[in-house]
Amino acid sequence: MTRLSFKQWLLHRANRPQQNLLFLLLGFGLFAPGIGLIALAEFLLVASWQQELLALLGLILSVVGSILAAVGYISLSLLRLYRFLNDDQNHD
C-alpha cells in the first residue's frame, strides 16, 4: 500500500467536491438536532439525570456535526484554492 504525502492527501481531498458537500450537509444534519436536544433538555425537562443525559447526547451530536461541517467547508473552499495554486499547469 502506498502512502500519500500530506500535500497529495490535501489535493485528493480537494478533488472530491461531492463528498465534501456531503460532509458539510451531514455535519449540519447532526448539528441541528444536537442543538435541538440541548434546547429540549433545558426548557422542557425538569432538573434530573435524564435532562443531563439528553443534553450530553445533544452536545456530542453538535460537536461531531461541527467537525464534519468544518471539514466539508474547508475542503470545499480553502482546499480548492490550494489545489488551484499548486496546479503545475497554471504556471505557464
N, C-alpha and C. Protein backbone atom coordinates (compact mmCIF):
# COMPACT_ATOMS: atom_id res chain seq x y z
N MET A 1 0.85 -1.19 0.00
CA MET A 1 0.00 0.00 0.00
C MET A 1 0.89 1.24 0.00
N THR A 2 0.58 2.17 -0.86
CA THR A 2 1.38 3.39 -0.94
C THR A 2 0.84 4.43 0.02
N ARG A 3 1.75 5.16 0.58
CA ARG A 3 1.35 6.23 1.50
C ARG A 3 1.35 7.54 0.74
N LEU A 4 0.30 8.29 0.94
CA LEU A 4 0.22 9.61 0.32
C LEU A 4 0.90 10.63 1.21
N SER A 5 1.61 11.54 0.60
CA SER A 5 2.15 12.64 1.39
C SER A 5 0.99 13.56 1.78
N PHE A 6 1.26 14.43 2.72
CA PHE A 6 0.20 15.32 3.20
C PHE A 6 -0.31 16.20 2.06
N LYS A 7 0.60 16.68 1.24
CA LYS A 7 0.20 17.52 0.10
C LYS A 7 -0.69 16.74 -0.86
N GLN A 8 -0.33 15.49 -1.15
CA GLN A 8 -1.14 14.67 -2.05
C GLN A 8 -2.51 14.39 -1.43
N TRP A 9 -2.54 14.17 -0.12
CA TRP A 9 -3.81 13.92 0.54
C TRP A 9 -4.72 15.15 0.46
N LEU A 10 -4.14 16.34 0.67
CA LEU A 10 -4.93 17.57 0.57
C LEU A 10 -5.47 17.76 -0.84
N LEU A 11 -4.63 17.50 -1.84
CA LEU A 11 -5.08 17.64 -3.22
C LEU A 11 -6.15 16.60 -3.56
N HIS A 12 -6.00 15.39 -3.05
CA HIS A 12 -7.02 14.35 -3.26
C HIS A 12 -8.34 14.76 -2.62
N ARG A 13 -8.27 15.31 -1.42
CA ARG A 13 -9.48 15.76 -0.70
C ARG A 13 -10.16 16.90 -1.48
N ALA A 14 -9.37 17.79 -2.08
CA ALA A 14 -9.92 18.92 -2.83
C ALA A 14 -10.59 18.47 -4.12
N ASN A 15 -10.19 17.33 -4.66
CA ASN A 15 -10.75 16.84 -5.92
C ASN A 15 -12.04 16.06 -5.74
N ARG A 16 -12.61 16.06 -4.56
CA ARG A 16 -13.84 15.32 -4.31
C ARG A 16 -14.94 16.27 -3.80
N PRO A 17 -15.43 17.16 -4.64
CA PRO A 17 -16.40 18.16 -4.17
C PRO A 17 -17.74 17.55 -3.73
N GLN A 18 -18.18 16.47 -4.35
CA GLN A 18 -19.45 15.87 -3.94
C GLN A 18 -19.35 15.28 -2.54
N GLN A 19 -18.24 14.62 -2.25
CA GLN A 19 -18.05 14.06 -0.92
C GLN A 19 -17.88 15.17 0.12
N ASN A 20 -17.21 16.25 -0.26
CA ASN A 20 -17.04 17.38 0.66
C ASN A 20 -18.38 18.05 0.96
N LEU A 21 -19.22 18.18 -0.06
CA LEU A 21 -20.56 18.74 0.17
C LEU A 21 -21.38 17.82 1.05
N LEU A 22 -21.23 16.51 0.86
CA LEU A 22 -21.92 15.55 1.71
C LEU A 22 -21.48 15.70 3.16
N PHE A 23 -20.18 15.89 3.40
CA PHE A 23 -19.68 16.13 4.76
C PHE A 23 -20.30 17.38 5.36
N LEU A 24 -20.37 18.43 4.56
CA LEU A 24 -20.94 19.69 5.04
C LEU A 24 -22.41 19.51 5.42
N LEU A 25 -23.18 18.88 4.55
CA LEU A 25 -24.60 18.69 4.82
C LEU A 25 -24.85 17.70 5.95
N LEU A 26 -24.07 16.64 6.02
CA LEU A 26 -24.20 15.69 7.10
C LEU A 26 -23.83 16.34 8.44
N GLY A 27 -22.81 17.17 8.42
CA GLY A 27 -22.44 17.89 9.63
C GLY A 27 -23.56 18.79 10.12
N PHE A 28 -24.18 19.52 9.18
CA PHE A 28 -25.32 20.35 9.58
C PHE A 28 -26.48 19.49 10.06
N GLY A 29 -26.66 18.33 9.39
CA GLY A 29 -27.73 17.42 9.77
C GLY A 29 -27.56 16.83 11.16
N LEU A 30 -26.35 16.75 11.65
CA LEU A 30 -26.11 16.30 13.02
C LEU A 30 -26.11 17.47 14.01
N PHE A 31 -25.61 18.61 13.56
CA PHE A 31 -25.51 19.77 14.45
C PHE A 31 -26.90 20.29 14.86
N ALA A 32 -27.79 20.42 13.90
CA ALA A 32 -29.11 21.00 14.19
C ALA A 32 -29.92 20.18 15.20
N PRO A 33 -30.04 18.85 15.04
CA PRO A 33 -30.75 18.09 16.07
C PRO A 33 -30.03 18.10 17.42
N GLY A 34 -28.70 18.18 17.38
CA GLY A 34 -27.96 18.27 18.64
C GLY A 34 -28.33 19.51 19.42
N ILE A 35 -28.38 20.63 18.72
CA ILE A 35 -28.80 21.88 19.38
C ILE A 35 -30.25 21.78 19.85
N GLY A 36 -31.08 21.13 19.03
CA GLY A 36 -32.47 20.92 19.43
C GLY A 36 -32.60 20.09 20.69
N LEU A 37 -31.79 19.05 20.82
CA LEU A 37 -31.82 18.24 22.04
C LEU A 37 -31.36 19.04 23.26
N ILE A 38 -30.37 19.87 23.07
CA ILE A 38 -29.91 20.71 24.19
C ILE A 38 -31.01 21.67 24.62
N ALA A 39 -31.68 22.30 23.66
CA ALA A 39 -32.78 23.22 23.98
C ALA A 39 -33.94 22.47 24.63
N LEU A 40 -34.23 21.27 24.11
CA LEU A 40 -35.31 20.46 24.70
C LEU A 40 -35.00 20.13 26.15
N ALA A 41 -33.77 19.72 26.41
CA ALA A 41 -33.38 19.38 27.78
C ALA A 41 -33.42 20.60 28.70
N GLU A 42 -33.06 21.75 28.17
CA GLU A 42 -33.00 22.95 29.01
C GLU A 42 -34.39 23.50 29.33
N PHE A 43 -35.28 23.52 28.35
CA PHE A 43 -36.54 24.23 28.54
C PHE A 43 -37.75 23.34 28.79
N LEU A 44 -37.69 22.07 28.47
CA LEU A 44 -38.88 21.23 28.63
C LEU A 44 -38.77 20.17 29.71
N LEU A 45 -37.59 19.89 30.18
CA LEU A 45 -37.42 18.87 31.20
C LEU A 45 -37.03 19.51 32.53
N VAL A 46 -37.49 18.88 33.60
CA VAL A 46 -37.09 19.36 34.93
C VAL A 46 -35.68 18.85 35.21
N ALA A 47 -35.04 19.46 36.18
CA ALA A 47 -33.67 19.09 36.52
C ALA A 47 -33.63 17.64 37.00
N SER A 48 -32.93 16.81 36.25
CA SER A 48 -32.80 15.40 36.60
C SER A 48 -31.63 14.82 35.81
N TRP A 49 -31.32 13.57 36.08
CA TRP A 49 -30.23 12.94 35.33
C TRP A 49 -30.64 12.69 33.89
N GLN A 50 -31.94 12.51 33.61
CA GLN A 50 -32.40 12.37 32.22
C GLN A 50 -32.13 13.64 31.43
N GLN A 51 -32.35 14.78 32.08
CA GLN A 51 -32.08 16.06 31.43
C GLN A 51 -30.59 16.18 31.09
N GLU A 52 -29.74 15.79 32.00
CA GLU A 52 -28.31 15.87 31.78
C GLU A 52 -27.86 14.92 30.67
N LEU A 53 -28.41 13.71 30.63
CA LEU A 53 -28.05 12.75 29.58
C LEU A 53 -28.51 13.23 28.21
N LEU A 54 -29.70 13.81 28.15
CA LEU A 54 -30.20 14.33 26.88
C LEU A 54 -29.34 15.50 26.41
N ALA A 55 -28.96 16.36 27.33
CA ALA A 55 -28.09 17.48 26.97
C ALA A 55 -26.71 16.98 26.53
N LEU A 56 -26.20 15.94 27.17
CA LEU A 56 -24.91 15.37 26.78
C LEU A 56 -24.99 14.77 25.38
N LEU A 57 -26.06 14.05 25.10
CA LEU A 57 -26.24 13.50 23.75
C LEU A 57 -26.32 14.61 22.72
N GLY A 58 -27.03 15.68 23.03
CA GLY A 58 -27.11 16.83 22.13
C GLY A 58 -25.75 17.48 21.92
N LEU A 59 -24.98 17.57 22.99
CA LEU A 59 -23.65 18.16 22.88
C LEU A 59 -22.73 17.30 22.00
N ILE A 60 -22.79 15.99 22.19
CA ILE A 60 -21.97 15.09 21.36
C ILE A 60 -22.36 15.20 19.90
N LEU A 61 -23.66 15.20 19.60
CA LEU A 61 -24.12 15.35 18.21
C LEU A 61 -23.68 16.68 17.63
N SER A 62 -23.76 17.73 18.41
CA SER A 62 -23.37 19.06 17.93
C SER A 62 -21.88 19.15 17.64
N VAL A 63 -21.07 18.56 18.49
CA VAL A 63 -19.62 18.60 18.29
C VAL A 63 -19.23 17.79 17.05
N VAL A 64 -19.76 16.58 16.93
CA VAL A 64 -19.46 15.75 15.76
C VAL A 64 -19.95 16.45 14.48
N GLY A 65 -21.14 17.01 14.54
CA GLY A 65 -21.66 17.74 13.39
C GLY A 65 -20.82 18.95 13.03
N SER A 66 -20.35 19.66 14.02
CA SER A 66 -19.50 20.83 13.77
C SER A 66 -18.19 20.43 13.11
N ILE A 67 -17.60 19.35 13.57
CA ILE A 67 -16.34 18.89 12.99
C ILE A 67 -16.54 18.46 11.54
N LEU A 68 -17.59 17.68 11.28
CA LEU A 68 -17.88 17.25 9.91
C LEU A 68 -18.16 18.43 8.99
N ALA A 69 -18.95 19.37 9.48
CA ALA A 69 -19.27 20.54 8.66
C ALA A 69 -18.02 21.38 8.40
N ALA A 70 -17.16 21.50 9.39
CA ALA A 70 -15.92 22.27 9.20
C ALA A 70 -15.02 21.60 8.18
N VAL A 71 -14.88 20.28 8.25
CA VAL A 71 -14.06 19.56 7.27
C VAL A 71 -14.64 19.75 5.87
N GLY A 72 -15.94 19.62 5.74
CA GLY A 72 -16.57 19.82 4.44
C GLY A 72 -16.40 21.23 3.92
N TYR A 73 -16.59 22.21 4.77
CA TYR A 73 -16.48 23.60 4.35
C TYR A 73 -15.05 23.95 3.95
N ILE A 74 -14.09 23.53 4.77
CA ILE A 74 -12.68 23.80 4.46
C ILE A 74 -12.28 23.11 3.17
N SER A 75 -12.75 21.89 2.99
CA SER A 75 -12.42 21.15 1.77
C SER A 75 -13.04 21.80 0.54
N LEU A 76 -14.23 22.34 0.68
CA LEU A 76 -14.89 22.98 -0.46
C LEU A 76 -14.28 24.33 -0.80
N SER A 77 -13.80 25.04 0.19
CA SER A 77 -13.33 26.40 -0.08
C SER A 77 -11.81 26.49 -0.13
N LEU A 78 -11.16 26.31 0.98
CA LEU A 78 -9.72 26.54 1.05
C LEU A 78 -8.91 25.51 0.27
N LEU A 79 -9.33 24.25 0.29
CA LEU A 79 -8.56 23.25 -0.44
C LEU A 79 -8.70 23.39 -1.94
N ARG A 80 -9.82 23.92 -2.41
CA ARG A 80 -9.95 24.19 -3.85
C ARG A 80 -8.96 25.29 -4.25
N LEU A 81 -8.84 26.30 -3.43
CA LEU A 81 -7.87 27.36 -3.67
C LEU A 81 -6.45 26.80 -3.61
N TYR A 82 -6.17 25.95 -2.65
CA TYR A 82 -4.86 25.31 -2.53
C TYR A 82 -4.56 24.47 -3.78
N ARG A 83 -5.54 23.75 -4.26
CA ARG A 83 -5.35 22.94 -5.47
C ARG A 83 -5.05 23.83 -6.67
N PHE A 84 -5.77 24.94 -6.79
CA PHE A 84 -5.54 25.86 -7.90
C PHE A 84 -4.13 26.45 -7.85
N LEU A 85 -3.67 26.82 -6.67
CA LEU A 85 -2.35 27.42 -6.53
C LEU A 85 -1.23 26.42 -6.73
N ASN A 86 -1.48 25.14 -6.48
CA ASN A 86 -0.46 24.12 -6.64
C ASN A 86 -0.55 23.37 -7.95
N ASP A 87 -1.40 23.81 -8.84
CA ASP A 87 -1.53 23.16 -10.14
C ASP A 87 -0.37 23.61 -11.01
N ASP A 88 0.48 22.67 -11.40
CA ASP A 88 1.66 22.99 -12.20
C ASP A 88 1.31 23.51 -13.59
N GLN A 89 0.15 23.18 -14.10
CA GLN A 89 -0.25 23.61 -15.45
C GLN A 89 -0.58 25.11 -15.48
N ASN A 90 -0.89 25.69 -14.34
CA ASN A 90 -1.25 27.11 -14.31
C ASN A 90 -0.05 28.04 -14.27
N HIS A 91 1.17 27.51 -14.22
CA HIS A 91 2.35 28.34 -14.08
C HIS A 91 3.06 28.55 -15.42
N ASP A 92 2.32 28.60 -16.49
CA ASP A 92 2.91 28.81 -17.85
C ASP A 92 3.26 30.26 -18.07
